[in-house]
Amino acid sequence: MNDAHLHLVVNHFPIIGAILGLGILITGIILKNDSVKNTAYVLFIVAAIFAAFSMGTGEGAEEMVENMPSVGKQIIHEHEEMAEKLAIILYFLAVISLVGIYTNLKNKAKANLVSYLAVTIGAVAVFLAQQTGTTGGEVRHTEIRPNAVQAAETEQNAFGGKQEESEDKD
C-alpha cells in the first residue's frame, strides 16, 4: 500500500467524523445528555487523529499524482490549503473536546459553555470539511470541477454534434 492509497483510506474519516460529531453534539445539547455530548467529543478527537494521518500521507499522494494528465499542481495546492485549515480546526476542536469531557465528568458549571463553543467550532469544521472533500475530489474527478460543464459543452461542440446523431440512431 502506497501513500496515495493510504491517503484515500484515511482522508474520509476527518470529514465524516466532523459531520457526525456535530450532529451528535447538537443532539446531546438538545437532550441535555452528557453521555451523548461525550460521544461527540470522542468522535471529534478521532477525526483529529485521522486528520493527522491524512496530512501525513498527503505529501506522498501528491508526489504520485501531480504530474498525471488532468491533475494540475494548482488543484492539488487548493486541496492542500483547505486540508491544512481543516486539520488546524480539528486539532483545536479535539482540545476543546478534551476540555468538554473533563467538564462533563466533573460536573463543572462551564460544561454548557464548552459544548456551545464546540458546536461553533464544529460548524466551521464541517464547512471546511466539505470544502476539503470537494477540492480533494476535484484532483481525480474532473466531472466535479467548476468548469466541468463548460468543458463538456466545448468538447461536444468540437465534435459538431456527432455524438447526438449517433445516439439518435440507437
N, C-alpha and C. Protein backbone atom coordinates (compact mmCIF):
# COMPACT_ATOMS: atom_id res chain seq x y z
N MET A 1 0.86 -1.17 0.00
CA MET A 1 0.00 0.00 0.00
C MET A 1 0.91 1.24 0.00
N ASN A 2 0.69 2.13 -0.96
CA ASN A 2 1.50 3.34 -1.04
C ASN A 2 0.79 4.52 -0.36
N ASP A 3 1.48 5.68 -0.34
CA ASP A 3 0.91 6.85 0.34
C ASP A 3 -0.41 7.31 -0.28
N ALA A 4 -0.53 7.22 -1.60
CA ALA A 4 -1.77 7.64 -2.24
C ALA A 4 -2.92 6.75 -1.78
N HIS A 5 -2.67 5.45 -1.72
CA HIS A 5 -3.71 4.52 -1.26
C HIS A 5 -4.05 4.78 0.21
N LEU A 6 -3.03 4.93 1.05
CA LEU A 6 -3.27 5.23 2.46
C LEU A 6 -4.04 6.54 2.63
N HIS A 7 -3.68 7.53 1.84
CA HIS A 7 -4.37 8.82 1.91
C HIS A 7 -5.86 8.65 1.59
N LEU A 8 -6.15 7.89 0.56
CA LEU A 8 -7.55 7.65 0.20
C LEU A 8 -8.29 6.87 1.28
N VAL A 9 -7.59 6.02 1.98
CA VAL A 9 -8.23 5.23 3.05
C VAL A 9 -8.57 6.11 4.25
N VAL A 10 -7.66 6.99 4.66
CA VAL A 10 -7.86 7.75 5.90
C VAL A 10 -8.50 9.12 5.72
N ASN A 11 -8.51 9.67 4.51
CA ASN A 11 -8.94 11.06 4.36
C ASN A 11 -10.44 11.28 4.53
N HIS A 12 -11.23 10.24 4.50
CA HIS A 12 -12.67 10.40 4.66
C HIS A 12 -13.09 10.51 6.13
N PHE A 13 -12.30 9.94 7.02
CA PHE A 13 -12.66 9.94 8.44
C PHE A 13 -12.75 11.33 9.06
N PRO A 14 -11.83 12.26 8.78
CA PRO A 14 -11.99 13.59 9.37
C PRO A 14 -13.27 14.28 8.90
N ILE A 15 -13.64 14.08 7.66
CA ILE A 15 -14.85 14.70 7.12
C ILE A 15 -16.09 14.09 7.76
N ILE A 16 -16.18 12.79 7.73
CA ILE A 16 -17.34 12.10 8.29
C ILE A 16 -17.41 12.31 9.80
N GLY A 17 -16.25 12.27 10.47
CA GLY A 17 -16.22 12.47 11.91
C GLY A 17 -16.71 13.85 12.32
N ALA A 18 -16.32 14.87 11.55
CA ALA A 18 -16.77 16.23 11.85
C ALA A 18 -18.28 16.35 11.67
N ILE A 19 -18.80 15.79 10.59
CA ILE A 19 -20.25 15.88 10.32
C ILE A 19 -21.04 15.13 11.39
N LEU A 20 -20.67 13.88 11.62
CA LEU A 20 -21.41 13.09 12.62
C LEU A 20 -21.24 13.67 14.02
N GLY A 21 -20.02 14.09 14.35
CA GLY A 21 -19.77 14.67 15.66
C GLY A 21 -20.64 15.89 15.92
N LEU A 22 -20.76 16.75 14.92
CA LEU A 22 -21.58 17.95 15.08
C LEU A 22 -23.05 17.57 15.31
N GLY A 23 -23.54 16.64 14.52
CA GLY A 23 -24.93 16.21 14.70
C GLY A 23 -25.17 15.58 16.06
N ILE A 24 -24.24 14.77 16.50
CA ILE A 24 -24.38 14.12 17.81
C ILE A 24 -24.28 15.14 18.93
N LEU A 25 -23.37 16.11 18.80
CA LEU A 25 -23.23 17.13 19.84
C LEU A 25 -24.49 17.98 19.94
N ILE A 26 -25.04 18.37 18.81
CA ILE A 26 -26.29 19.16 18.84
C ILE A 26 -27.40 18.34 19.50
N THR A 27 -27.47 17.05 19.18
CA THR A 27 -28.46 16.18 19.81
C THR A 27 -28.24 16.11 21.32
N GLY A 28 -26.98 16.00 21.75
CA GLY A 28 -26.67 15.95 23.18
C GLY A 28 -27.06 17.23 23.90
N ILE A 29 -26.88 18.37 23.23
CA ILE A 29 -27.27 19.65 23.83
C ILE A 29 -28.79 19.73 23.96
N ILE A 30 -29.49 19.33 22.90
CA ILE A 30 -30.96 19.37 22.94
C ILE A 30 -31.50 18.44 24.02
N LEU A 31 -30.92 17.24 24.12
CA LEU A 31 -31.38 16.28 25.12
C LEU A 31 -30.82 16.52 26.52
N LYS A 32 -29.86 17.45 26.60
CA LYS A 32 -29.18 17.74 27.86
C LYS A 32 -28.59 16.45 28.45
N ASN A 33 -27.89 15.71 27.55
CA ASN A 33 -27.34 14.42 27.93
C ASN A 33 -25.82 14.46 27.76
N ASP A 34 -25.11 14.40 28.88
CA ASP A 34 -23.65 14.48 28.84
C ASP A 34 -23.02 13.27 28.15
N SER A 35 -23.63 12.11 28.25
CA SER A 35 -23.08 10.92 27.58
C SER A 35 -23.10 11.09 26.06
N VAL A 36 -24.16 11.66 25.56
CA VAL A 36 -24.25 11.90 24.12
C VAL A 36 -23.23 12.96 23.71
N LYS A 37 -23.10 13.99 24.52
CA LYS A 37 -22.09 15.02 24.23
C LYS A 37 -20.68 14.42 24.25
N ASN A 38 -20.40 13.57 25.23
CA ASN A 38 -19.08 12.94 25.31
C ASN A 38 -18.81 12.06 24.10
N THR A 39 -19.85 11.40 23.59
CA THR A 39 -19.70 10.61 22.38
C THR A 39 -19.25 11.50 21.22
N ALA A 40 -19.87 12.66 21.11
CA ALA A 40 -19.48 13.60 20.06
C ALA A 40 -18.04 14.07 20.25
N TYR A 41 -17.69 14.34 21.48
CA TYR A 41 -16.31 14.79 21.76
C TYR A 41 -15.29 13.73 21.35
N VAL A 42 -15.59 12.48 21.68
CA VAL A 42 -14.67 11.40 21.30
C VAL A 42 -14.58 11.31 19.78
N LEU A 43 -15.70 11.47 19.11
CA LEU A 43 -15.69 11.44 17.64
C LEU A 43 -14.85 12.58 17.06
N PHE A 44 -14.93 13.77 17.65
CA PHE A 44 -14.09 14.89 17.21
C PHE A 44 -12.61 14.57 17.42
N ILE A 45 -12.29 13.94 18.52
CA ILE A 45 -10.88 13.58 18.79
C ILE A 45 -10.39 12.56 17.76
N VAL A 46 -11.22 11.57 17.47
CA VAL A 46 -10.86 10.56 16.46
C VAL A 46 -10.69 11.24 15.09
N ALA A 47 -11.57 12.17 14.77
CA ALA A 47 -11.46 12.89 13.49
C ALA A 47 -10.13 13.64 13.41
N ALA A 48 -9.72 14.25 14.51
CA ALA A 48 -8.44 14.97 14.53
C ALA A 48 -7.26 14.03 14.35
N ILE A 49 -7.34 12.85 14.96
CA ILE A 49 -6.27 11.87 14.81
C ILE A 49 -6.16 11.43 13.35
N PHE A 50 -7.30 11.16 12.74
CA PHE A 50 -7.28 10.78 11.32
C PHE A 50 -6.86 11.94 10.43
N ALA A 51 -7.14 13.17 10.85
CA ALA A 51 -6.65 14.32 10.08
C ALA A 51 -5.13 14.34 10.08
N ALA A 52 -4.53 14.01 11.21
CA ALA A 52 -3.07 13.95 11.28
C ALA A 52 -2.53 12.86 10.34
N PHE A 53 -3.17 11.70 10.33
CA PHE A 53 -2.76 10.63 9.41
C PHE A 53 -2.94 11.07 7.96
N SER A 54 -4.04 11.73 7.69
CA SER A 54 -4.31 12.19 6.33
C SER A 54 -3.29 13.22 5.88
N MET A 55 -2.94 14.13 6.79
CA MET A 55 -1.90 15.12 6.45
C MET A 55 -0.56 14.44 6.23
N GLY A 56 -0.30 13.40 7.01
CA GLY A 56 0.97 12.68 6.90
C GLY A 56 1.11 11.92 5.59
N THR A 57 0.00 11.49 5.02
CA THR A 57 0.06 10.75 3.75
C THR A 57 -0.19 11.64 2.54
N GLY A 58 -0.61 12.86 2.77
CA GLY A 58 -0.95 13.75 1.67
C GLY A 58 0.21 14.10 0.76
N GLU A 59 1.37 14.33 1.34
CA GLU A 59 2.54 14.71 0.54
C GLU A 59 2.95 13.59 -0.41
N GLY A 60 2.95 12.36 0.10
CA GLY A 60 3.28 11.22 -0.75
C GLY A 60 2.26 11.02 -1.85
N ALA A 61 0.99 11.23 -1.52
CA ALA A 61 -0.07 11.12 -2.52
C ALA A 61 0.11 12.19 -3.60
N GLU A 62 0.47 13.39 -3.16
CA GLU A 62 0.69 14.49 -4.11
C GLU A 62 1.81 14.14 -5.09
N GLU A 63 2.89 13.60 -4.58
CA GLU A 63 4.02 13.23 -5.44
C GLU A 63 3.62 12.22 -6.51
N MET A 64 2.68 11.35 -6.17
CA MET A 64 2.28 10.31 -7.11
C MET A 64 1.35 10.82 -8.21
N VAL A 65 0.54 11.85 -7.92
CA VAL A 65 -0.48 12.26 -8.90
C VAL A 65 -0.23 13.62 -9.54
N GLU A 66 0.69 14.42 -9.02
CA GLU A 66 0.81 15.79 -9.50
C GLU A 66 1.18 15.91 -10.98
N ASN A 67 1.84 14.93 -11.55
CA ASN A 67 2.23 15.01 -12.95
C ASN A 67 1.34 14.18 -13.87
N MET A 68 0.25 13.67 -13.35
CA MET A 68 -0.69 12.91 -14.18
C MET A 68 -1.48 13.88 -15.06
N PRO A 69 -1.89 13.41 -16.23
CA PRO A 69 -2.71 14.26 -17.08
C PRO A 69 -4.01 14.64 -16.37
N SER A 70 -4.46 15.84 -16.54
CA SER A 70 -5.70 16.41 -15.98
C SER A 70 -5.64 16.63 -14.49
N VAL A 71 -4.48 16.44 -13.85
CA VAL A 71 -4.37 16.74 -12.41
C VAL A 71 -3.62 18.02 -12.25
N GLY A 72 -3.33 18.84 -12.24
CA GLY A 72 -2.55 20.05 -12.14
C GLY A 72 -2.13 20.39 -10.71
N LYS A 73 -1.01 21.04 -10.66
CA LYS A 73 -0.47 21.42 -9.34
C LYS A 73 -1.37 22.42 -8.62
N GLN A 74 -2.07 23.28 -9.39
CA GLN A 74 -2.96 24.27 -8.78
C GLN A 74 -4.11 23.60 -8.03
N ILE A 75 -4.67 22.56 -8.63
CA ILE A 75 -5.78 21.84 -7.99
C ILE A 75 -5.30 21.19 -6.69
N ILE A 76 -4.14 20.57 -6.74
CA ILE A 76 -3.58 19.93 -5.54
C ILE A 76 -3.27 20.98 -4.48
N HIS A 77 -2.74 22.12 -4.91
CA HIS A 77 -2.40 23.19 -3.96
C HIS A 77 -3.66 23.69 -3.24
N GLU A 78 -4.75 23.88 -3.97
CA GLU A 78 -6.00 24.33 -3.34
C GLU A 78 -6.48 23.31 -2.31
N HIS A 79 -6.39 22.02 -2.68
CA HIS A 79 -6.81 20.97 -1.75
C HIS A 79 -5.92 20.96 -0.50
N GLU A 80 -4.64 21.10 -0.73
CA GLU A 80 -3.69 21.10 0.39
C GLU A 80 -3.96 22.27 1.34
N GLU A 81 -4.24 23.44 0.80
CA GLU A 81 -4.53 24.62 1.63
C GLU A 81 -5.80 24.40 2.47
N MET A 82 -6.84 23.86 1.84
CA MET A 82 -8.08 23.60 2.58
C MET A 82 -7.87 22.52 3.65
N ALA A 83 -7.09 21.49 3.30
CA ALA A 83 -6.83 20.40 4.26
C ALA A 83 -6.06 20.91 5.47
N GLU A 84 -5.12 21.80 5.25
CA GLU A 84 -4.36 22.37 6.37
C GLU A 84 -5.28 23.17 7.30
N LYS A 85 -6.18 23.96 6.73
CA LYS A 85 -7.13 24.72 7.55
C LYS A 85 -8.02 23.77 8.35
N LEU A 86 -8.53 22.74 7.68
CA LEU A 86 -9.39 21.77 8.37
C LEU A 86 -8.63 21.07 9.50
N ALA A 87 -7.41 20.67 9.23
CA ALA A 87 -6.63 19.98 10.26
C ALA A 87 -6.43 20.86 11.49
N ILE A 88 -6.10 22.12 11.28
CA ILE A 88 -5.90 23.04 12.41
C ILE A 88 -7.18 23.17 13.23
N ILE A 89 -8.31 23.34 12.55
CA ILE A 89 -9.59 23.46 13.25
C ILE A 89 -9.91 22.16 14.00
N LEU A 90 -9.65 21.02 13.37
CA LEU A 90 -9.93 19.74 14.05
C LEU A 90 -9.02 19.52 15.25
N TYR A 91 -7.76 19.94 15.15
CA TYR A 91 -6.87 19.82 16.30
C TYR A 91 -7.38 20.69 17.45
N PHE A 92 -7.79 21.90 17.13
CA PHE A 92 -8.34 22.81 18.15
C PHE A 92 -9.63 22.22 18.73
N LEU A 93 -10.47 21.66 17.86
CA LEU A 93 -11.72 21.05 18.31
C LEU A 93 -11.45 19.85 19.21
N ALA A 94 -10.39 19.11 18.94
CA ALA A 94 -10.02 17.97 19.79
C ALA A 94 -9.64 18.45 21.20
N VAL A 95 -8.90 19.54 21.27
CA VAL A 95 -8.53 20.10 22.58
C VAL A 95 -9.78 20.56 23.32
N ILE A 96 -10.66 21.26 22.63
CA ILE A 96 -11.93 21.69 23.23
C ILE A 96 -12.74 20.47 23.68
N SER A 97 -12.70 19.41 22.89
CA SER A 97 -13.42 18.19 23.23
C SER A 97 -12.88 17.54 24.50
N LEU A 98 -11.56 17.55 24.65
CA LEU A 98 -10.97 17.03 25.89
C LEU A 98 -11.44 17.85 27.09
N VAL A 99 -11.49 19.16 26.92
CA VAL A 99 -11.99 20.03 27.99
C VAL A 99 -13.47 19.73 28.24
N GLY A 100 -14.22 19.50 27.17
CA GLY A 100 -15.65 19.18 27.31
C GLY A 100 -15.88 17.90 28.08
N ILE A 101 -15.10 16.88 27.77
CA ILE A 101 -15.22 15.61 28.50
C ILE A 101 -14.89 15.82 29.98
N TYR A 102 -13.81 16.55 30.23
CA TYR A 102 -13.41 16.81 31.61
C TYR A 102 -14.51 17.57 32.37
N THR A 103 -15.04 18.63 31.76
CA THR A 103 -16.06 19.42 32.46
C THR A 103 -17.34 18.63 32.65
N ASN A 104 -17.68 17.75 31.70
CA ASN A 104 -18.87 16.91 31.87
C ASN A 104 -18.68 15.90 33.00
N LEU A 105 -17.49 15.32 33.08
CA LEU A 105 -17.23 14.32 34.12
C LEU A 105 -17.15 14.93 35.51
N LYS A 106 -16.67 16.17 35.59
CA LYS A 106 -16.52 16.83 36.88
C LYS A 106 -17.71 17.71 37.24
N ASN A 107 -18.75 17.68 36.40
CA ASN A 107 -19.95 18.49 36.62
C ASN A 107 -19.60 19.96 36.82
N LYS A 108 -18.71 20.45 36.03
CA LYS A 108 -18.31 21.85 36.12
C LYS A 108 -19.39 22.75 35.52
N ALA A 109 -19.50 23.93 36.05
CA ALA A 109 -20.50 24.88 35.58
C ALA A 109 -20.24 25.32 34.15
N LYS A 110 -19.02 25.24 33.70
CA LYS A 110 -18.66 25.70 32.36
C LYS A 110 -18.92 24.66 31.26
N ALA A 111 -19.47 23.51 31.62
CA ALA A 111 -19.68 22.43 30.64
C ALA A 111 -20.57 22.88 29.49
N ASN A 112 -21.62 23.62 29.77
CA ASN A 112 -22.51 24.09 28.70
C ASN A 112 -21.81 25.09 27.78
N LEU A 113 -21.02 25.96 28.39
CA LEU A 113 -20.26 26.92 27.59
C LEU A 113 -19.31 26.20 26.63
N VAL A 114 -18.65 25.18 27.14
CA VAL A 114 -17.72 24.40 26.31
C VAL A 114 -18.48 23.71 25.18
N SER A 115 -19.66 23.18 25.46
CA SER A 115 -20.41 22.49 24.41
C SER A 115 -20.86 23.46 23.32
N TYR A 116 -21.24 24.69 23.70
CA TYR A 116 -21.62 25.69 22.68
C TYR A 116 -20.41 26.14 21.87
N LEU A 117 -19.27 26.25 22.53
CA LEU A 117 -18.04 26.58 21.82
C LEU A 117 -17.70 25.47 20.83
N ALA A 118 -17.84 24.21 21.27
CA ALA A 118 -17.56 23.07 20.39
C ALA A 118 -18.52 23.03 19.20
N VAL A 119 -19.78 23.38 19.40
CA VAL A 119 -20.73 23.42 18.29
C VAL A 119 -20.30 24.46 17.26
N THR A 120 -19.89 25.62 17.74
CA THR A 120 -19.46 26.69 16.84
C THR A 120 -18.23 26.26 16.04
N ILE A 121 -17.24 25.72 16.73
CA ILE A 121 -16.03 25.28 16.04
C ILE A 121 -16.34 24.08 15.15
N GLY A 122 -17.23 23.21 15.62
CA GLY A 122 -17.64 22.05 14.82
C GLY A 122 -18.32 22.47 13.52
N ALA A 123 -19.12 23.53 13.58
CA ALA A 123 -19.78 24.02 12.35
C ALA A 123 -18.74 24.53 11.36
N VAL A 124 -17.74 25.23 11.86
CA VAL A 124 -16.64 25.68 10.99
C VAL A 124 -15.91 24.47 10.41
N ALA A 125 -15.69 23.47 11.24
CA ALA A 125 -15.01 22.25 10.78
C ALA A 125 -15.81 21.56 9.68
N VAL A 126 -17.12 21.48 9.84
CA VAL A 126 -17.95 20.85 8.81
C VAL A 126 -17.88 21.63 7.50
N PHE A 127 -17.92 22.95 7.58
CA PHE A 127 -17.78 23.76 6.36
C PHE A 127 -16.44 23.49 5.68
N LEU A 128 -15.36 23.52 6.46
CA LEU A 128 -14.04 23.27 5.89
C LEU A 128 -13.90 21.83 5.41
N ALA A 129 -14.55 20.90 6.08
CA ALA A 129 -14.52 19.50 5.64
C ALA A 129 -15.19 19.35 4.28
N GLN A 130 -16.30 20.04 4.10
CA GLN A 130 -16.97 20.00 2.79
C GLN A 130 -16.07 20.57 1.71
N GLN A 131 -15.44 21.70 2.00
CA GLN A 131 -14.55 22.33 1.03
C GLN A 131 -13.34 21.43 0.73
N THR A 132 -12.79 20.83 1.77
CA THR A 132 -11.63 19.95 1.60
C THR A 132 -12.01 18.72 0.79
N GLY A 133 -13.15 18.14 1.09
CA GLY A 133 -13.61 16.98 0.33
C GLY A 133 -13.85 17.30 -1.13
N THR A 134 -14.43 18.46 -1.39
CA THR A 134 -14.69 18.85 -2.77
C THR A 134 -13.38 19.09 -3.52
N THR A 135 -12.47 19.84 -2.92
CA THR A 135 -11.20 20.10 -3.62
C THR A 135 -10.39 18.81 -3.78
N GLY A 136 -10.50 17.90 -2.83
CA GLY A 136 -9.83 16.61 -2.96
C GLY A 136 -10.44 15.77 -4.07
N GLY A 137 -11.75 15.80 -4.17
CA GLY A 137 -12.43 15.07 -5.23
C GLY A 137 -12.07 15.60 -6.61
N GLU A 138 -11.88 16.91 -6.69
CA GLU A 138 -11.54 17.53 -7.97
C GLU A 138 -10.17 17.10 -8.49
N VAL A 139 -9.32 16.59 -7.61
CA VAL A 139 -7.99 16.15 -8.05
C VAL A 139 -8.12 15.07 -9.12
N ARG A 140 -8.97 14.07 -8.89
CA ARG A 140 -9.09 12.98 -9.85
C ARG A 140 -10.46 12.91 -10.53
N HIS A 141 -11.44 13.57 -9.99
CA HIS A 141 -12.78 13.53 -10.59
C HIS A 141 -13.03 14.85 -11.32
N THR A 142 -12.62 14.88 -12.57
CA THR A 142 -12.73 16.12 -13.34
C THR A 142 -14.18 16.54 -13.54
N GLU A 143 -15.11 15.60 -13.42
CA GLU A 143 -16.52 15.93 -13.65
C GLU A 143 -17.11 16.82 -12.56
N ILE A 144 -16.45 16.95 -11.40
CA ILE A 144 -16.99 17.80 -10.35
C ILE A 144 -16.30 19.16 -10.29
N ARG A 145 -15.36 19.39 -11.17
CA ARG A 145 -14.68 20.68 -11.18
C ARG A 145 -15.66 21.76 -11.64
N PRO A 146 -15.47 22.99 -11.16
CA PRO A 146 -16.41 24.07 -11.51
C PRO A 146 -16.59 24.27 -13.01
N ASN A 147 -15.56 24.05 -13.79
CA ASN A 147 -15.66 24.29 -15.23
C ASN A 147 -15.99 23.02 -16.01
N ALA A 148 -16.44 21.98 -15.34
CA ALA A 148 -16.69 20.69 -16.00
C ALA A 148 -17.80 20.78 -17.04
N VAL A 149 -18.89 21.48 -16.75
CA VAL A 149 -20.00 21.60 -17.69
C VAL A 149 -19.55 22.37 -18.92
N GLN A 150 -18.84 23.46 -18.70
CA GLN A 150 -18.34 24.27 -19.81
C GLN A 150 -17.38 23.46 -20.67
N ALA A 151 -16.49 22.69 -20.05
CA ALA A 151 -15.54 21.87 -20.80
C ALA A 151 -16.26 20.80 -21.60
N ALA A 152 -17.29 20.19 -21.02
CA ALA A 152 -18.06 19.17 -21.73
C ALA A 152 -18.79 19.75 -22.93
N GLU A 153 -19.36 20.96 -22.76
CA GLU A 153 -20.04 21.61 -23.88
C GLU A 153 -19.07 21.96 -24.98
N THR A 154 -17.89 22.45 -24.60
CA THR A 154 -16.87 22.79 -25.60
C THR A 154 -16.44 21.54 -26.35
N GLU A 155 -16.27 20.44 -25.63
CA GLU A 155 -15.88 19.18 -26.26
C GLU A 155 -16.97 18.69 -27.21
N GLN A 156 -18.23 18.82 -26.78
CA GLN A 156 -19.34 18.38 -27.62
C GLN A 156 -19.43 19.23 -28.88
N ASN A 157 -19.23 20.54 -28.74
CA ASN A 157 -19.24 21.42 -29.91
C ASN A 157 -18.10 21.10 -30.86
N ALA A 158 -16.98 20.67 -30.32
CA ALA A 158 -15.83 20.32 -31.16
C ALA A 158 -16.14 19.12 -32.03
N PHE A 159 -17.02 18.22 -31.54
CA PHE A 159 -17.42 17.06 -32.33
C PHE A 159 -18.52 17.43 -33.33
N GLY A 160 -19.03 18.64 -33.23
CA GLY A 160 -20.05 19.09 -34.16
C GLY A 160 -21.39 18.40 -33.99
N GLY A 161 -21.67 17.96 -32.78
CA GLY A 161 -22.96 17.33 -32.50
C GLY A 161 -23.03 15.90 -33.00
N LYS A 162 -21.93 15.30 -33.44
CA LYS A 162 -21.94 13.93 -33.96
C LYS A 162 -22.33 12.92 -32.89
N GLN A 163 -22.04 13.22 -31.64
CA GLN A 163 -22.41 12.29 -30.58
C GLN A 163 -23.94 12.18 -30.47
N GLU A 164 -24.64 13.29 -30.61
CA GLU A 164 -26.09 13.29 -30.53
C GLU A 164 -26.69 12.49 -31.67
N GLU A 165 -26.12 12.64 -32.89
CA GLU A 165 -26.64 11.92 -34.03
C GLU A 165 -26.50 10.43 -33.84
N SER A 166 -25.36 9.98 -33.32
CA SER A 166 -25.16 8.55 -33.13
C SER A 166 -26.09 8.01 -32.05
N GLU A 167 -26.42 8.84 -31.06
CA GLU A 167 -27.37 8.41 -30.03
C GLU A 167 -28.76 8.28 -30.59
N ASP A 168 -29.13 9.14 -31.54
CA ASP A 168 -30.47 9.11 -32.11
C ASP A 168 -30.68 7.85 -32.95
N LYS A 169 -29.63 7.28 -33.52
CA LYS A 169 -29.74 6.10 -34.37
C LYS A 169 -30.03 4.85 -33.58
N ASP A 170 -29.71 4.86 -32.28
CA ASP A 170 -29.91 3.66 -31.45
C ASP A 170 -31.34 3.43 -31.22
